[in-house]
Amino acid sequence: MAADRLDEVLDAAYDCLTRYGVRRTTMDDIATAMGVSRSAVYQYVRNKDDAFRRLAVRLHTEALERARTAADQDAPCPSRIRGVLAAKLDLVLSLTGPSPHTAELLDHRARLFGGICSTFTADLRSLLIDLFTEAGTADGIEPGEAADITIALVTGLESMADGGRLFRPAADALLSGLLALPAASHWPTAGAHARRKGEP
């Protein structure tokens, strides 16, 4: 039950984030969004920074779980690599669309969220290194280098308005050069998770 109430607090914090941003949101705003008193919110989070930090952890954890699921699929390595990368891009696309404020949760330089973002990227890199090791990389490319290159690709696409549309051809082209084996032609599409949830 306490976990459910915490989720309600975090949902309310997200709602406030989309409207006001991290700095302008107050605990009163979060309480109002929940329809409870401010003291009730304090039962689950210490302050608004704690609420936003927990929200960032939840979103990054969900994305990492999607990446791990993709990595563990019974599918060719190129498809699994593509799924891991799509999990990262989907997280960013889901947070850069609703409001100019939601992207604050992705700022790796931010005091509240920097460590969360860095840990998430490091965990994705580990998954990718394992997959590139399993698949085999082209001559002269180490698995760690291949992981860094693919993460850089996604990071670049995150800043583009049509990054989701370009993801598939860009990943296909990149993996065809990084892998010792040809890339698979049928891979999961970036944004699929968001569409399953009814988002655009």
Protein backbone atom coordinates (compact mmCIF):
# COMPACT_ATOMS: atom_id res chain seq x y z
CA MET A 1 0.00 0.00 0.00
CA ALA A 2 2.83 2.42 0.86
CA ALA A 3 4.44 1.69 -2.50
CA ASP A 4 1.18 2.54 -4.24
CA ARG A 5 0.98 5.84 -2.40
CA LEU A 6 4.58 6.62 -3.29
CA ASP A 7 3.73 5.98 -6.93
CA GLU A 8 0.86 8.45 -6.59
CA VAL A 9 3.27 11.04 -5.20
CA LEU A 10 5.66 10.47 -8.09
CA ASP A 11 2.83 10.64 -10.62
CA ALA A 12 1.79 13.96 -9.08
CA ALA A 13 5.38 15.18 -9.15
CA TYR A 14 5.55 14.31 -12.86
CA ASP A 15 2.33 16.23 -13.49
CA CYS A 16 3.78 19.27 -11.72
CA LEU A 17 7.06 18.89 -13.58
CA THR A 18 5.30 19.14 -16.94
CA ARG A 19 3.63 22.38 -15.86
CA TYR A 20 6.18 24.18 -13.72
CA GLY A 21 9.57 22.49 -13.98
CA VAL A 22 11.70 21.32 -11.06
CA ARG A 23 12.60 24.73 -9.65
CA ARG A 24 9.13 26.25 -9.64
CA THR A 25 7.31 23.20 -8.29
CA THR A 26 6.54 23.26 -4.57
CA MET A 27 5.40 20.59 -2.15
CA ASP A 28 2.04 22.36 -2.07
CA ASP A 29 1.80 21.86 -5.84
CA ILE A 30 2.45 18.15 -5.49
CA ALA A 31 -0.09 17.86 -2.67
CA THR A 32 -2.70 19.74 -4.69
CA ALA A 33 -2.12 17.47 -7.69
CA MET A 34 -2.70 14.48 -5.41
CA GLY A 35 -5.70 16.02 -3.68
CA VAL A 36 -4.13 15.63 -0.22
CA SER A 37 -2.49 17.82 2.39
CA ARG A 38 1.19 18.72 2.22
CA SER A 39 1.81 16.78 5.43
CA ALA A 40 0.45 13.65 3.73
CA VAL A 41 3.05 13.99 0.95
CA TYR A 42 5.83 14.26 3.56
CA GLN A 43 4.96 10.74 4.70
CA TYR A 44 6.45 9.38 1.46
CA VAL A 45 9.16 11.87 0.39
CA ARG A 46 11.44 14.18 2.35
CA ASN A 47 11.00 17.18 0.05
CA LYS A 48 10.40 18.06 -3.59
CA ASP A 49 14.01 17.24 -4.53
CA ASP A 50 13.55 13.77 -3.07
CA ALA A 51 10.30 13.37 -5.05
CA PHE A 52 11.92 14.36 -8.33
CA ARG A 53 14.99 12.23 -7.69
CA ARG A 54 12.78 9.20 -6.99
CA LEU A 55 10.80 9.98 -10.14
CA ALA A 56 14.00 10.05 -12.20
CA VAL A 57 15.10 6.75 -10.65
CA ARG A 58 11.75 5.16 -11.51
CA LEU A 59 11.84 6.27 -15.15
CA HIS A 60 15.46 5.23 -15.70
CA THR A 61 14.87 1.91 -13.95
CA GLU A 62 11.90 1.15 -16.21
CA ALA A 63 13.98 1.98 -19.29
CA LEU A 64 16.83 -0.21 -18.05
CA GLU A 65 14.40 -3.10 -17.50
CA ARG A 66 13.24 -2.72 -21.12
CA ALA A 67 16.86 -2.74 -22.26
CA ARG A 68 17.62 -5.88 -20.25
CA THR A 69 14.54 -7.59 -21.63
CA ALA A 70 15.69 -6.74 -25.16
CA ALA A 71 19.20 -8.03 -24.44
CA ASP A 72 17.83 -11.33 -23.09
CA GLN A 73 15.51 -12.06 -26.02
CA ASP A 74 15.90 -15.21 -28.06
CA ALA A 75 16.83 -13.24 -31.17
CA PRO A 76 19.90 -12.46 -33.27
CA CYS A 77 22.43 -10.18 -31.57
CA PRO A 78 21.85 -7.25 -33.95
CA SER A 79 18.18 -7.21 -33.03
CA ARG A 80 19.00 -7.35 -29.33
CA ILE A 81 21.54 -4.53 -29.64
CA ARG A 82 18.92 -2.51 -31.45
CA GLY A 83 16.44 -3.14 -28.65
CA VAL A 84 18.88 -1.93 -25.99
CA LEU A 85 19.52 1.27 -27.94
CA ALA A 86 15.79 1.76 -28.54
CA ALA A 87 15.18 1.65 -24.79
CA LYS A 88 17.50 4.63 -24.33
CA LEU A 89 16.02 6.59 -27.20
CA ASP A 90 12.45 5.83 -26.11
CA LEU A 91 13.18 7.19 -22.62
CA VAL A 92 14.40 10.47 -24.07
CA LEU A 93 11.60 10.77 -26.63
CA SER A 94 8.99 10.13 -23.93
CA LEU A 95 10.44 12.95 -21.78
CA THR A 96 11.14 15.54 -24.45
CA GLY A 97 7.67 15.52 -25.97
CA PRO A 98 5.11 16.34 -23.26
CA SER A 99 6.72 19.53 -21.92
CA PRO A 100 9.93 21.54 -22.16
CA HIS A 101 10.43 20.83 -18.45
CA THR A 102 10.38 17.03 -18.45
CA ALA A 103 13.78 16.80 -20.12
CA GLU A 104 15.26 18.19 -16.89
CA LEU A 105 15.19 14.60 -15.59
CA LEU A 106 17.72 13.65 -18.28
CA ASP A 107 20.37 16.26 -17.48
CA HIS A 108 23.54 14.34 -16.60
CA ARG A 109 25.06 17.57 -15.23
CA ALA A 110 22.18 18.29 -12.87
CA ARG A 111 22.82 18.02 -9.16
CA LEU A 112 19.74 15.88 -8.59
CA PHE A 113 19.86 13.63 -11.62
CA GLY A 114 23.45 13.49 -12.84
CA GLY A 115 24.37 10.30 -11.00
CA ILE A 116 21.16 8.57 -12.09
CA CYS A 117 21.77 9.40 -15.77
CA SER A 118 25.43 8.36 -15.60
CA THR A 119 24.65 5.04 -13.92
CA PHE A 120 21.92 4.32 -16.48
CA THR A 121 24.30 4.93 -19.37
CA ALA A 122 27.00 2.80 -17.74
CA ASP A 123 24.54 -0.07 -17.29
CA LEU A 124 23.47 0.18 -20.93
CA ARG A 125 27.11 0.19 -21.98
CA SER A 126 27.71 -3.04 -20.05
CA LEU A 127 24.75 -4.70 -21.78
CA LEU A 128 26.03 -3.57 -25.16
CA ILE A 129 29.58 -4.75 -24.50
CA ASP A 130 28.25 -8.21 -23.65
CA LEU A 131 26.18 -8.28 -26.84
CA PHE A 132 29.01 -7.07 -29.06
CA THR A 133 31.31 -9.64 -27.46
CA GLU A 134 28.78 -12.37 -28.22
CA ALA A 135 28.11 -11.19 -31.77
CA GLY A 136 31.71 -10.47 -32.69
CA THR A 137 32.92 -7.10 -33.89
CA ALA A 138 34.63 -6.12 -37.12
CA ASP A 139 38.42 -6.20 -37.28
CA GLY A 140 40.04 -3.40 -35.31
CA ILE A 141 36.95 -2.61 -33.20
CA GLU A 142 36.75 -3.68 -29.57
CA PRO A 143 33.34 -4.41 -28.00
CA GLY A 144 33.72 -1.44 -25.66
CA GLU A 145 34.43 0.85 -28.60
CA ALA A 146 31.40 -0.51 -30.46
CA ALA A 147 29.24 0.13 -27.40
CA ASP A 148 30.51 3.71 -27.12
CA ILE A 149 29.91 4.36 -30.82
CA THR A 150 26.31 3.11 -30.72
CA ILE A 151 25.55 5.10 -27.55
CA ALA A 152 26.98 8.18 -29.28
CA LEU A 153 24.67 7.55 -32.22
CA VAL A 154 21.60 7.47 -29.99
CA THR A 155 22.76 10.53 -28.04
CA GLY A 156 23.02 12.41 -31.33
CA LEU A 157 19.57 11.29 -32.46
CA GLU A 158 18.07 12.38 -29.13
CA SER A 159 18.68 16.02 -30.01
CA MET A 160 17.02 15.79 -33.43
CA ALA A 161 13.35 16.47 -34.05
CA ASP A 162 13.05 13.38 -36.27
CA GLY A 163 15.50 11.21 -34.32
CA GLY A 164 12.94 8.44 -33.88
CA ARG A 165 12.40 8.20 -37.63
CA LEU A 166 16.13 8.17 -38.38
CA PHE A 167 16.95 5.59 -35.72
CA ARG A 168 16.33 2.48 -37.80
CA PRO A 169 18.35 3.41 -40.90
CA ALA A 170 21.12 4.94 -38.79
CA ALA A 171 21.39 1.88 -36.55
CA ASP A 172 21.27 -0.48 -39.55
CA ALA A 173 24.10 1.40 -41.26
CA LEU A 174 26.22 1.63 -38.13
CA LEU A 175 25.83 -1.98 -37.08
CA SER A 176 26.64 -3.22 -40.55
CA GLY A 177 30.07 -1.68 -40.07
CA LEU A 178 30.58 -2.60 -36.43
CA LEU A 179 29.57 -6.26 -36.48
CA ALA A 180 31.49 -9.15 -37.94
CA LEU A 181 28.14 -10.54 -39.17
CA PRO A 182 25.54 -8.70 -41.27
CA ALA A 183 22.87 -6.83 -39.34
CA ALA A 184 19.38 -8.33 -39.14
CA SER A 185 16.74 -6.73 -41.33
CA HIS A 186 13.80 -6.99 -38.94
CA TRP A 187 14.43 -5.17 -35.67
CA PRO A 188 12.13 -3.60 -33.10
CA THR A 189 11.31 0.01 -33.86
CA ALA A 190 12.23 2.90 -31.56
CA GLY A 191 9.11 4.33 -29.97
CA ALA A 192 7.30 0.99 -29.90
CA HIS A 193 7.11 1.05 -26.09
CA ALA A 194 5.66 4.55 -26.10
CA ARG A 195 3.06 3.59 -28.71
CA ARG A 196 2.06 0.51 -26.73
CA LYS A 197 1.23 2.84 -23.87
CA GLY A 198 -0.95 4.96 -26.17
CA GLU A 199 1.51 7.81 -26.52
CA PRO A 200 2.21 9.41 -29.92
